[in-house]
Amino acid sequence: MLVLVALSAILAPFLFLVLLRMPAKKGMFYSAGIVILLAYFVWGVGVDIIAASVLEGFHKTLTILFILFGAIVLLNTLRKTGAVNRINQGFRGISTDMRVQIVIVAFLFGALIEGAAGFGTPAAVTGPLMVALGFTPMAAASIALIADSSPVSYGAVGTPIQVGLSNLPEAGIPFYQEIGARIAFFDLFAGTFIPFIIVVVLTVFFGKKKGWKSAWEMLPWTLLIGITYTSSAYLYAVLFGHEFVAILASLTGLVVATVTAKRGFLLPKSSWQDALQEDFTIEEEGTNMGLLRAWSPYLVIVGLLLVTRIVPSVKAFTLEWVDLTWTNILGVEGVTSKWQVLYSPGTVLVFAAILAVVIQRKSFRNFTVAAKESILSMKDAALALVATLALVQVFTNSGMNGNELISMPQYIAQNLAGGFGTMWVLAAPFLGELGAFITGSATVSTLTFSPVQYSIAEETALSKETILSLQVIGAAAGNMICVHNVVAAGTVVGLSGKEGDIIRKTILPALLYGLLVGVAALCITMLV
C-alpha cells in the first residue's frame, strides 16, 4: 500500500500525460492533487508542511519561468534583428543535412551551454534554434531533450557531482574527481551513441519516409562524433577534474564535427532534408550582418556564465546581490527556495538579448516587442510548472511527517533495492532516472538518492564509486523525461499542452541510455 502511495508521484503524471495525453497544465494539476491528498491522509504530512512545500514550488516556478523568459526573448529578439537568419546560413554553410545539424546544434552546442549553465537551459536555447532551421517544433523539442543527457553529468561547472554527492561521508574534491572520471569511463558505453540515437529519432519519427535507412548511413560519422566527445571527456576528467568536462569535450567535438562535416568525411553524398516543416522556405538572401556579430549574444552567454561561476569575486557578487531566496517558508525549517537573481541563467539570457540590439545596431524596440510576445507565450507553461513543482516539493519534503515514515523517494529506493543484491548495478541508473523524472533535476536526484545508493553499495559489497557514478549518469539520462524540462522545452518552441507527446518520443532513449550503462557496468564488475 505505502509503495503505491509513494509511487503516485510517478504513476499519476504517467497516466495523465502519457496515457491520457492531457496537457501538463491539466494533468499535473490532477497529479499534484492526488499526491497532496495521499501525503496528508496516508503519509501523515502536516498541513503546514504541505502549504510550505506548495509555496516552495511556486517560488521555484518563478525561477524557472525567468530562465524560460530569457531563452524565448533572446530568440525572438534575434529573429527581429535578422541574426537568426544569419546564424542559420552559417549552419547551412557547414552542412545542409538536417542530421548533421542536430548533432552540431542539439548535442555539441547544447553540451557547451549545459557545461556552463545547466538547469534545463540547453534545450530552451537549442530547441528554438532548430525550429528556425526548419525542424518541426515536436522534432526540435524531443531532440533537444534527448541530446541534453550525456553532458548533464557535468552540467553547470560540475554541480551534479559536487552538490549532488555533497551529503556523503567521503565528500570532497578527490572523491568528486574520482567519481567524475568513472562517470566518463562508463559513458564511453552509452553517451557515445547519443548522436546516432538523435539521428534515429529524427529520421524514424519525423522524416517523410520514416525509415531506418537514412539513419544507418549516418552511423560512421555519428560514432566518430560520439567517441570524440566521450573519449575527450574521459581524458579531461582524468587530467583536470569534473568541473569543465562538458565545456572542453563539447568544444573538442565542435571542432571535429565542423571540419569533418565541411569535408563530407564519413557522410553520405546526398543532403537529407526530409524533416523540414511544411511550407518552410530557406532564407537565402544575403545579409550585411557578419557571422560573428550574429553569434555574439551566444558568445556573451557562454562567457558570462563561465565568469559568474569561476571567478570568485564575480560569483560572490552575483550570489549576494538581488537575493530573492525564501528561507524556512511559513516557519518550516529546511523548506527553502533559492533565487539569486544575478546568478540565474535567466539574467544572462535577458542581458544577452538587450546587448544583441546594441551589438547588431538595431532599434531597442526589437527587444521590447520581443519581451511582450515572450511573456504572452508563457501562460500555459506557468500553470503547468506551478502544479509540477508543488507535486515535487510535497513528494521531496514528505519525510517531515507525523507517522515516522522516511520520505517517499527514500521509501521507493529501499523497496526497489531489496531484491537485487549484487545485480544492483543494472538498476542503479534507473533509480537516478526516476529521481530526475520526479524532481526535474539531475542534481536533486543525486542529492536525494546518493545516500541510498551509498548504503546499497555497502550492503552488497559493490564499489561505491561505481554505484554513485551510475546514479549520476542515470540522473542525467532522466533529464530527457523530467516533466518540468519537457514543459520548458515544449514552451520555447510553441508546444504547450503537448508534453505527453514529447515524453513518448524521449522515454525509450532514456531507458536505453540507462540499460547501456547498466549492462556495461555489470560486465566490467564481473570481469574485475
Protein backbone atom coordinates (compact mmCIF):
# COMPACT_ATOMS: atom_id res chain seq x y z
CA MET A 1 0.00 0.00 0.00
CA LEU A 2 2.68 2.50 1.04
CA VAL A 3 4.72 1.66 -2.05
CA LEU A 4 1.80 2.61 -4.31
CA VAL A 5 1.29 5.83 -2.36
CA ALA A 6 4.96 6.72 -2.77
CA LEU A 7 4.83 5.81 -6.46
CA SER A 8 1.81 8.07 -7.03
CA ALA A 9 4.20 10.92 -7.90
CA ILE A 10 5.37 8.82 -10.86
CA LEU A 11 2.24 6.89 -11.82
CA ALA A 12 -0.14 9.86 -11.85
CA PRO A 13 1.89 12.03 -14.28
CA PHE A 14 2.49 8.99 -16.50
CA LEU A 15 -1.25 8.21 -16.55
CA PHE A 16 -2.45 11.74 -17.26
CA LEU A 17 0.32 12.99 -19.56
CA VAL A 18 1.46 9.90 -21.46
CA LEU A 19 -1.53 7.54 -21.49
CA LEU A 20 -4.44 10.01 -21.42
CA ARG A 21 -2.48 12.68 -23.35
CA MET A 22 -3.63 15.55 -21.18
CA PRO A 23 -1.77 18.87 -21.42
CA ALA A 24 0.60 19.33 -18.49
CA LYS A 25 -1.32 22.27 -17.01
CA LYS A 26 -4.28 19.92 -16.53
CA GLY A 27 -2.60 16.54 -15.98
CA MET A 28 -0.06 17.87 -13.47
CA PHE A 29 -2.82 19.71 -11.58
CA TYR A 30 -4.65 16.40 -11.08
CA SER A 31 -1.37 14.62 -10.25
CA ALA A 32 -0.42 17.23 -7.65
CA GLY A 33 -3.88 16.97 -6.07
CA ILE A 34 -3.56 13.19 -5.76
CA VAL A 35 -0.06 13.34 -4.26
CA ILE A 36 -1.01 16.08 -1.80
CA LEU A 37 -4.09 14.19 -0.59
CA LEU A 38 -2.14 10.95 -0.18
CA ALA A 39 0.68 12.78 1.60
CA TYR A 40 -1.80 14.18 4.11
CA PHE A 41 -4.13 11.22 4.69
CA VAL A 42 -1.68 8.30 4.32
CA TRP A 43 1.84 9.61 4.90
CA GLY A 44 0.85 11.92 7.72
CA VAL A 45 2.40 15.08 6.31
CA GLY A 46 1.01 18.08 8.15
CA VAL A 47 -0.94 20.92 6.59
CA ASP A 48 1.86 23.35 7.44
CA ILE A 49 4.47 21.22 5.62
CA ILE A 50 2.19 20.79 2.61
CA ALA A 51 1.41 24.51 2.45
CA ALA A 52 5.09 25.42 2.78
CA SER A 53 6.00 22.87 0.09
CA VAL A 54 3.39 24.25 -2.32
CA LEU A 55 4.71 27.78 -1.77
CA GLU A 56 8.24 26.47 -2.28
CA GLY A 57 7.09 25.01 -5.59
CA PHE A 58 5.52 28.32 -6.58
CA HIS A 59 8.75 30.17 -5.79
CA LYS A 60 10.83 27.68 -7.76
CA THR A 61 8.39 28.09 -10.65
CA LEU A 62 9.28 31.79 -10.80
CA THR A 63 12.98 30.94 -11.06
CA ILE A 64 12.35 28.56 -13.97
CA LEU A 65 9.96 30.94 -15.74
CA PHE A 66 12.65 33.60 -15.56
CA ILE A 67 15.08 31.30 -17.39
CA LEU A 68 12.37 30.42 -19.92
CA PHE A 69 11.61 34.09 -20.48
CA GLY A 70 15.29 34.76 -21.09
CA ALA A 71 15.56 31.97 -23.66
CA ILE A 72 12.40 32.98 -25.52
CA VAL A 73 13.09 36.72 -25.51
CA LEU A 74 16.63 36.12 -26.78
CA LEU A 75 15.39 34.08 -29.73
CA ASN A 76 12.55 36.50 -30.52
CA THR A 77 14.94 39.45 -30.39
CA LEU A 78 17.44 37.74 -32.68
CA ARG A 79 14.66 36.88 -35.12
CA LYS A 80 13.71 40.53 -35.31
CA THR A 81 17.29 41.74 -35.76
CA GLY A 82 17.90 39.20 -38.53
CA ALA A 83 20.62 37.39 -36.58
CA VAL A 84 18.78 34.06 -36.64
CA ASN A 85 18.76 34.03 -40.44
CA ARG A 86 22.50 34.75 -40.47
CA ILE A 87 23.21 32.02 -37.89
CA ASN A 88 21.19 29.55 -39.94
CA GLN A 89 23.11 30.48 -43.07
CA GLY A 90 26.26 29.70 -41.10
CA PHE A 91 24.95 26.27 -40.12
CA ARG A 92 23.95 25.56 -43.71
CA GLY A 93 27.44 26.64 -44.72
CA ILE A 94 28.76 23.73 -42.64
CA SER A 95 26.11 21.30 -43.88
CA THR A 96 22.60 21.46 -45.29
CA ASP A 97 21.95 17.93 -43.98
CA MET A 98 19.48 18.13 -41.09
CA ARG A 99 21.01 15.04 -39.50
CA VAL A 100 24.35 16.81 -39.24
CA GLN A 101 22.72 19.99 -37.99
CA ILE A 102 21.08 18.31 -34.98
CA VAL A 103 24.38 16.77 -33.88
CA ILE A 104 26.14 20.14 -34.04
CA VAL A 105 23.30 22.27 -32.63
CA ALA A 106 21.48 19.99 -30.18
CA PHE A 107 24.26 17.72 -28.97
CA LEU A 108 27.50 19.71 -29.16
CA PHE A 109 26.34 23.32 -28.81
CA GLY A 110 23.80 22.13 -26.23
CA ALA A 111 26.63 20.40 -24.31
CA LEU A 112 28.57 23.67 -24.24
CA ILE A 113 25.56 25.50 -22.76
CA GLU A 114 24.97 22.62 -20.33
CA GLY A 115 28.55 22.72 -19.10
CA ALA A 116 28.29 26.44 -18.43
CA ALA A 117 24.71 26.79 -17.16
CA GLY A 118 22.73 23.59 -16.64
CA PHE A 119 19.25 23.99 -15.09
CA GLY A 120 17.47 22.98 -18.32
CA THR A 121 18.94 25.93 -20.23
CA PRO A 122 20.35 23.94 -23.23
CA ALA A 123 17.01 22.60 -24.50
CA ALA A 124 15.49 26.07 -24.07
CA VAL A 125 18.25 27.50 -26.29
CA THR A 126 18.81 24.79 -28.90
CA GLY A 127 15.13 23.91 -29.46
CA PRO A 128 14.20 27.33 -30.88
CA LEU A 129 17.40 27.38 -32.97
CA MET A 130 16.37 24.12 -34.61
CA VAL A 131 12.86 25.44 -35.29
CA ALA A 132 14.46 28.42 -37.01
CA LEU A 133 16.48 25.96 -39.13
CA GLY A 134 13.24 24.37 -40.34
CA PHE A 135 12.69 21.50 -37.92
CA THR A 136 9.15 20.90 -36.72
CA PRO A 137 8.55 22.07 -33.12
CA MET A 138 7.97 18.48 -31.96
CA ALA A 139 11.23 17.30 -33.52
CA ALA A 140 13.13 20.26 -32.07
CA ALA A 141 11.81 19.77 -28.53
CA SER A 142 12.26 15.98 -28.49
CA ILE A 143 15.76 16.02 -29.95
CA ALA A 144 16.89 18.91 -27.74
CA LEU A 145 15.86 16.91 -24.64
CA ILE A 146 17.48 13.65 -25.76
CA ALA A 147 20.70 15.41 -26.76
CA ASP A 148 20.91 17.16 -23.39
CA SER A 149 21.72 13.99 -21.47
CA SER A 150 25.34 12.86 -21.52
CA PRO A 151 26.68 16.37 -20.70
CA VAL A 152 24.27 16.74 -17.77
CA SER A 153 26.51 14.62 -15.51
CA TYR A 154 28.93 17.56 -15.53
CA GLY A 155 26.38 20.35 -16.02
CA ALA A 156 26.77 23.83 -14.55
CA VAL A 157 30.51 23.50 -13.92
CA GLY A 158 30.29 20.13 -12.16
CA THR A 159 27.24 20.88 -9.99
CA PRO A 160 25.51 17.45 -10.31
CA ILE A 161 28.64 15.82 -8.89
CA GLN A 162 29.88 18.44 -6.45
CA VAL A 163 26.48 19.31 -4.98
CA GLY A 164 24.72 16.01 -5.65
CA LEU A 165 27.29 14.00 -3.69
CA SER A 166 27.96 16.62 -1.02
CA ASN A 167 25.95 14.83 1.69
CA LEU A 168 28.10 11.66 1.67
CA PRO A 169 30.77 10.77 4.27
CA GLU A 170 33.60 10.83 1.71
CA ALA A 171 32.55 14.11 0.07
CA GLY A 172 35.48 16.22 -1.06
CA ILE A 173 37.40 17.21 -4.19
CA PRO A 174 39.41 13.93 -4.55
CA PHE A 175 36.19 11.93 -4.22
CA TYR A 176 34.38 14.13 -6.76
CA GLN A 177 37.25 13.78 -9.22
CA GLU A 178 37.27 10.00 -8.85
CA ILE A 179 33.51 9.86 -9.49
CA GLY A 180 33.87 12.28 -12.42
CA ALA A 181 36.48 10.08 -14.09
CA ARG A 182 34.43 6.93 -13.55
CA ILE A 183 31.31 8.59 -14.99
CA ALA A 184 33.27 9.50 -18.10
CA PHE A 185 34.55 5.92 -18.38
CA PHE A 186 31.08 4.35 -18.16
CA ASP A 187 29.70 6.98 -20.52
CA LEU A 188 32.01 5.64 -23.24
CA PHE A 189 29.48 2.80 -23.50
CA ALA A 190 26.34 4.99 -23.55
CA GLY A 191 26.99 8.65 -24.35
CA THR A 192 28.94 7.65 -27.46
CA PHE A 193 25.65 6.58 -29.07
CA ILE A 194 23.65 9.74 -28.33
CA PRO A 195 24.45 11.41 -31.71
CA PHE A 196 23.25 8.28 -33.52
CA ILE A 197 20.17 7.98 -31.30
CA ILE A 198 19.01 11.53 -32.06
CA VAL A 199 19.51 10.89 -35.78
CA VAL A 200 17.37 7.75 -35.48
CA VAL A 201 14.64 9.71 -33.68
CA LEU A 202 14.75 12.39 -36.37
CA THR A 203 14.56 10.04 -39.34
CA VAL A 204 12.16 7.43 -37.91
CA PHE A 205 9.67 9.76 -36.22
CA PHE A 206 9.94 12.95 -38.26
CA GLY A 207 11.29 12.03 -41.70
CA LYS A 208 8.86 11.81 -44.60
CA LYS A 209 9.79 8.17 -45.25
CA LYS A 210 10.03 7.36 -41.50
CA GLY A 211 12.63 4.64 -42.08
CA TRP A 212 15.94 3.45 -40.66
CA LYS A 213 17.94 3.65 -43.88
CA SER A 214 18.58 7.37 -43.55
CA ALA A 215 19.86 6.78 -40.02
CA TRP A 216 22.13 3.80 -40.75
CA GLU A 217 24.12 5.70 -43.35
CA MET A 218 24.95 8.27 -40.65
CA LEU A 219 26.30 5.64 -38.23
CA PRO A 220 30.03 6.07 -39.04
CA TRP A 221 30.03 9.87 -38.67
CA THR A 222 27.81 9.94 -35.57
CA LEU A 223 30.01 7.32 -33.89
CA LEU A 224 33.06 9.43 -34.71
CA ILE A 225 31.48 12.47 -33.06
CA GLY A 226 30.17 10.43 -30.12
CA ILE A 227 33.58 8.83 -29.50
CA THR A 228 35.28 12.20 -29.87
CA TYR A 229 33.01 13.67 -27.21
CA THR A 230 33.10 10.80 -24.69
CA SER A 231 36.78 9.90 -25.06
CA SER A 232 37.87 13.52 -24.75
CA ALA A 233 35.50 13.85 -21.76
CA TYR A 234 37.29 10.92 -20.13
CA LEU A 235 40.68 12.47 -20.84
CA TYR A 236 39.64 15.86 -19.43
CA ALA A 237 38.02 14.25 -16.37
CA VAL A 238 41.24 12.37 -15.57
CA LEU A 239 43.54 15.32 -16.26
CA PHE A 240 41.56 18.32 -14.98
CA GLY A 241 38.77 17.03 -12.75
CA HIS A 242 35.00 17.15 -13.03
CA GLU A 243 34.17 20.85 -13.43
CA PHE A 244 34.99 21.63 -17.07
CA VAL A 245 34.43 18.26 -18.73
CA ALA A 246 31.27 19.15 -20.68
CA ILE A 247 32.69 22.51 -21.82
CA LEU A 248 36.03 21.17 -23.04
CA ALA A 249 34.59 17.99 -24.58
CA SER A 250 31.89 19.92 -26.45
CA LEU A 251 34.46 22.36 -27.87
CA THR A 252 36.60 19.41 -28.99
CA GLY A 253 33.56 17.80 -30.58
CA LEU A 254 32.52 21.04 -32.32
CA VAL A 255 35.92 21.35 -33.97
CA VAL A 256 35.90 17.75 -35.22
CA ALA A 257 32.25 17.88 -36.32
CA THR A 258 32.68 21.17 -38.20
CA VAL A 259 35.83 20.09 -40.04
CA THR A 260 34.53 16.62 -40.99
CA ALA A 261 31.07 17.89 -41.98
CA LYS A 262 32.51 20.59 -44.25
CA ARG A 263 34.68 17.98 -45.99
CA GLY A 264 31.92 15.37 -46.09
CA PHE A 265 34.14 12.88 -44.24
CA LEU A 266 32.20 9.66 -43.42
CA LEU A 267 28.99 11.38 -44.56
CA PRO A 268 26.54 10.38 -47.32
CA LYS A 269 26.89 12.34 -50.57
CA SER A 270 23.24 13.39 -50.64
CA SER A 271 21.92 16.02 -48.22
CA TRP A 272 18.93 14.82 -46.15
CA GLN A 273 16.16 17.38 -45.59
CA ASP A 274 13.10 15.16 -45.21
CA ALA A 275 12.11 16.61 -41.84
CA LEU A 276 11.62 20.22 -42.95
CA GLN A 277 8.44 21.92 -41.81
CA GLU A 278 5.77 22.16 -44.48
CA ASP A 279 5.92 25.45 -46.40
CA PHE A 280 9.26 26.27 -44.77
CA THR A 281 11.37 28.43 -47.04
CA ILE A 282 15.11 28.66 -46.57
CA GLU A 283 16.23 32.28 -46.34
CA GLU A 284 18.94 32.53 -49.00
CA GLU A 285 19.13 36.28 -49.45
CA GLY A 286 22.33 37.89 -48.29
CA THR A 287 22.70 39.94 -45.13
CA ASN A 288 25.09 42.65 -44.11
CA MET A 289 25.43 41.17 -40.64
CA GLY A 290 28.65 39.28 -40.04
CA LEU A 291 28.50 35.76 -38.61
CA LEU A 292 30.47 36.79 -35.51
CA ARG A 293 28.08 39.66 -34.83
CA ALA A 294 25.08 37.36 -35.27
CA TRP A 295 26.59 34.83 -32.85
CA SER A 296 27.81 37.46 -30.38
CA PRO A 297 24.84 37.11 -27.93
CA TYR A 298 25.56 33.40 -27.55
CA LEU A 299 29.26 34.07 -27.05
CA VAL A 300 28.28 36.61 -24.38
CA ILE A 301 26.09 33.97 -22.71
CA VAL A 302 28.86 31.36 -22.51
CA GLY A 303 31.39 33.96 -21.36
CA LEU A 304 29.18 35.44 -18.64
CA LEU A 305 28.08 32.04 -17.38
CA LEU A 306 31.68 30.94 -17.02
CA VAL A 307 32.81 34.19 -15.37
CA THR A 308 29.97 34.18 -12.86
CA ARG A 309 30.74 30.60 -11.90
CA ILE A 310 34.54 30.55 -11.97
CA VAL A 311 35.81 33.99 -10.88
CA PRO A 312 35.35 34.03 -7.06
CA SER A 313 34.71 37.77 -6.68
CA VAL A 314 32.18 37.88 -9.53
CA LYS A 315 30.49 34.72 -8.28
CA ALA A 316 30.19 36.17 -4.77
CA PHE A 317 28.71 39.40 -6.15
CA THR A 318 26.07 37.62 -8.26
CA LEU A 319 25.15 35.30 -5.39
CA GLU A 320 24.77 38.05 -2.78
CA TRP A 321 23.17 40.95 -4.67
CA VAL A 322 19.47 40.78 -5.57
CA ASP A 323 18.89 37.65 -3.50
CA LEU A 324 15.20 36.66 -3.53
CA THR A 325 15.77 33.39 -1.68
CA TRP A 326 12.82 32.38 0.54
CA THR A 327 14.19 30.72 3.67
CA ASN A 328 12.21 28.49 6.07
CA ILE A 329 8.89 29.09 4.32
CA LEU A 330 5.97 29.54 6.76
CA GLY A 331 8.47 28.92 9.54
CA VAL A 332 9.13 25.31 8.46
CA GLU A 333 12.84 24.74 8.86
CA GLY A 334 14.57 23.32 5.82
CA VAL A 335 11.83 24.27 3.34
CA THR A 336 13.75 26.87 1.37
CA SER A 337 13.81 28.00 -2.24
CA LYS A 338 16.90 29.78 -3.55
CA TRP A 339 16.83 32.51 -6.18
CA GLN A 340 19.97 34.57 -6.58
CA VAL A 341 18.69 36.63 -9.48
CA LEU A 342 22.01 37.85 -10.87
CA TYR A 343 23.42 34.30 -10.77
CA SER A 344 20.43 32.90 -12.67
CA PRO A 345 20.96 31.91 -16.33
CA GLY A 346 17.78 33.91 -16.96
CA THR A 347 19.56 37.17 -16.14
CA VAL A 348 22.40 36.29 -18.52
CA LEU A 349 19.93 35.43 -21.30
CA VAL A 350 17.96 38.67 -20.88
CA PHE A 351 21.17 40.71 -20.76
CA ALA A 352 22.37 38.99 -23.95
CA ALA A 353 19.07 39.85 -25.67
CA ILE A 354 19.41 43.53 -24.68
CA LEU A 355 23.07 43.57 -25.71
CA ALA A 356 22.17 41.99 -29.05
CA VAL A 357 20.29 45.08 -30.26
CA VAL A 358 23.31 47.20 -29.31
CA ILE A 359 25.97 45.00 -30.93
CA GLN A 360 23.85 44.38 -34.01
CA ARG A 361 22.96 48.09 -34.24
CA LYS A 362 19.19 47.66 -34.24
CA SER A 363 16.35 49.56 -32.60
CA PHE A 364 15.68 48.82 -28.92
CA ARG A 365 12.06 48.30 -29.95
CA ASN A 366 13.12 44.88 -31.24
CA PHE A 367 13.73 43.83 -27.64
CA THR A 368 10.59 45.43 -26.12
CA VAL A 369 8.28 43.86 -28.70
CA ALA A 370 10.03 40.51 -28.29
CA ALA A 371 9.62 40.75 -24.49
CA LYS A 372 5.86 41.31 -24.75
CA GLU A 373 5.47 38.39 -27.14
CA SER A 374 7.58 36.16 -24.88
CA ILE A 375 5.55 36.89 -21.74
CA LEU A 376 2.27 36.14 -23.51
CA SER A 377 3.60 32.80 -24.75
CA MET A 378 4.38 31.51 -21.25
CA LYS A 379 0.91 31.37 -19.68
CA ASP A 380 0.33 27.64 -20.09
CA ALA A 381 3.88 26.84 -19.01
CA ALA A 382 3.39 28.82 -15.80
CA LEU A 383 0.25 26.87 -14.89
CA ALA A 384 1.93 23.53 -15.66
CA LEU A 385 5.07 24.36 -13.71
CA VAL A 386 3.21 25.54 -10.59
CA ALA A 387 1.41 22.19 -10.37
CA THR A 388 4.53 20.18 -11.26
CA LEU A 389 6.75 21.81 -8.66
CA ALA A 390 4.06 21.69 -5.98
CA LEU A 391 3.97 17.90 -6.52
CA VAL A 392 7.77 17.68 -6.49
CA GLN A 393 8.21 19.61 -3.26
CA VAL A 394 5.47 17.77 -1.35
CA PHE A 395 6.99 14.49 -2.53
CA THR A 396 10.53 15.58 -1.58
CA ASN A 397 9.54 17.00 1.82
CA SER A 398 7.36 14.03 2.77
CA GLY A 399 9.99 12.84 5.24
CA MET A 400 8.62 15.51 7.62
CA ASN A 401 5.54 13.63 8.75
CA GLY A 402 3.69 12.53 11.86
CA ASN A 403 3.78 8.81 11.05
CA GLU A 404 7.57 8.49 11.48
CA LEU A 405 7.99 7.33 7.90
CA ILE A 406 11.01 8.04 5.72
CA SER A 407 10.37 10.28 2.72
CA MET A 408 8.54 8.89 -0.31
CA PRO A 409 11.67 8.95 -2.53
CA GLN A 410 13.69 7.00 0.05
CA TYR A 411 10.81 4.54 0.56
CA ILE A 412 10.73 3.83 -3.18
CA ALA A 413 14.50 3.39 -3.31
CA GLN A 414 14.67 1.00 -0.37
CA ASN A 415 11.86 -1.17 -1.74
CA LEU A 416 13.45 -1.27 -5.19
CA ALA A 417 16.83 -2.22 -3.76
CA GLY A 418 15.54 -5.12 -1.68
CA GLY A 419 15.60 -7.93 -4.24
CA PHE A 420 18.56 -7.01 -6.46
CA GLY A 421 21.63 -7.84 -4.39
CA THR A 422 24.83 -7.65 -6.43
CA MET A 423 22.76 -7.15 -9.60
CA TRP A 424 22.02 -3.63 -8.33
CA VAL A 425 24.48 -2.25 -10.92
CA LEU A 426 21.76 -2.87 -13.52
CA ALA A 427 19.14 -0.98 -11.52
CA ALA A 428 21.24 1.88 -10.14
CA PRO A 429 20.99 4.10 -13.28
CA PHE A 430 17.22 3.74 -13.32
CA LEU A 431 16.92 4.97 -9.73
CA GLY A 432 18.80 8.06 -10.91
CA GLU A 433 16.40 8.41 -13.84
CA LEU A 434 13.44 8.01 -11.54
CA GLY A 435 14.72 10.76 -9.29
CA ALA A 436 15.26 13.14 -12.20
CA PHE A 437 11.83 12.34 -13.66
CA ILE A 438 10.15 13.34 -10.41
CA THR A 439 12.33 16.18 -9.17
CA GLY A 440 13.22 17.68 -12.55
CA SER A 441 16.91 17.91 -11.66
CA ALA A 442 19.88 15.59 -12.01
CA THR A 443 21.48 17.35 -9.05
CA VAL A 444 18.43 16.96 -6.79
CA SER A 445 18.02 13.34 -7.86
CA THR A 446 21.59 12.59 -6.82
CA LEU A 447 21.30 14.66 -3.64
CA THR A 448 18.17 12.67 -2.73
CA PHE A 449 19.25 9.17 -3.70
CA SER A 450 23.05 9.15 -3.30
CA PRO A 451 22.82 8.20 0.42
CA VAL A 452 20.54 5.30 -0.54
CA GLN A 453 22.88 4.22 -3.34
CA TYR A 454 25.84 4.50 -0.97
CA SER A 455 24.13 2.26 1.61
CA ILE A 456 23.16 -0.33 -1.01
CA ALA A 457 26.77 -0.45 -2.26
CA GLU A 458 28.00 -1.10 1.27
CA GLU A 459 25.38 -3.81 1.95
CA THR A 460 26.07 -5.63 -1.34
CA ALA A 461 29.87 -5.15 -1.29
CA LEU A 462 29.73 -3.33 -4.62
CA SER A 463 32.08 -0.50 -5.48
CA LYS A 464 30.66 2.73 -4.02
CA GLU A 465 32.33 4.74 -6.79
CA THR A 466 30.69 2.59 -9.47
CA ILE A 467 27.20 2.75 -7.95
CA LEU A 468 27.36 6.51 -7.37
CA SER A 469 28.65 7.05 -10.91
CA LEU A 470 25.67 5.11 -12.23
CA GLN A 471 23.36 7.25 -10.08
CA VAL A 472 24.74 10.46 -11.62
CA ILE A 473 24.61 9.08 -15.18
CA GLY A 474 21.06 7.82 -14.67
CA ALA A 475 20.00 11.20 -13.30
CA ALA A 476 21.49 12.81 -16.42
CA ALA A 477 19.51 10.44 -18.65
CA GLY A 478 16.37 11.30 -16.68
CA ASN A 479 16.79 14.83 -17.97
CA MET A 480 15.13 13.61 -21.18
CA ILE A 481 11.82 12.85 -19.48
CA CYS A 482 11.52 15.03 -16.36
CA VAL A 483 8.25 16.90 -16.55
CA HIS A 484 9.36 20.46 -15.95
CA ASN A 485 12.18 20.15 -18.53
CA VAL A 486 9.62 18.81 -21.01
CA VAL A 487 7.28 21.72 -20.21
CA ALA A 488 10.14 24.18 -20.73
CA ALA A 489 11.35 22.60 -23.98
CA GLY A 490 7.81 22.49 -25.33
CA THR A 491 7.04 26.07 -24.35
CA VAL A 492 10.01 27.67 -26.12
CA VAL A 493 9.04 26.01 -29.42
CA GLY A 494 5.30 26.72 -29.06
CA LEU A 495 4.12 23.27 -27.97
CA SER A 496 2.43 23.98 -24.64
CA GLY A 497 -0.07 21.21 -23.99
CA LYS A 498 1.85 18.57 -25.93
CA GLU A 499 4.07 17.40 -23.09
CA GLY A 500 2.80 13.81 -23.17
CA ASP A 501 3.57 13.53 -26.88
CA ILE A 502 7.12 14.75 -26.22
CA ILE A 503 7.67 12.22 -23.42
CA ARG A 504 6.51 9.41 -25.70
CA LYS A 505 9.39 10.34 -28.04
CA THR A 506 12.02 10.64 -25.30
CA ILE A 507 11.19 7.80 -22.92
CA LEU A 508 12.72 4.98 -24.99
CA PRO A 509 16.07 6.77 -25.47
CA ALA A 510 16.11 7.49 -21.72
CA LEU A 511 15.54 3.83 -20.86
CA LEU A 512 18.06 2.70 -23.49
CA TYR A 513 20.68 5.01 -22.03
CA GLY A 514 20.18 3.52 -18.56
CA LEU A 515 20.28 -0.01 -19.95
CA LEU A 516 23.50 0.56 -21.91
CA VAL A 517 25.39 2.00 -18.97
CA GLY A 518 23.97 -0.60 -16.56
CA VAL A 519 24.98 -3.55 -18.77
CA ALA A 520 28.44 -2.04 -19.29
CA ALA A 521 28.91 -1.63 -15.54
CA LEU A 522 27.70 -5.18 -14.88
CA CYS A 523 30.13 -6.65 -17.42
CA ILE A 524 33.05 -4.65 -16.03
CA THR A 525 32.11 -5.58 -12.44
CA MET A 526 32.03 -9.27 -13.34
CA LEU A 527 35.37 -9.11 -15.13
CA VAL A 528 37.28 -7.16 -12.48
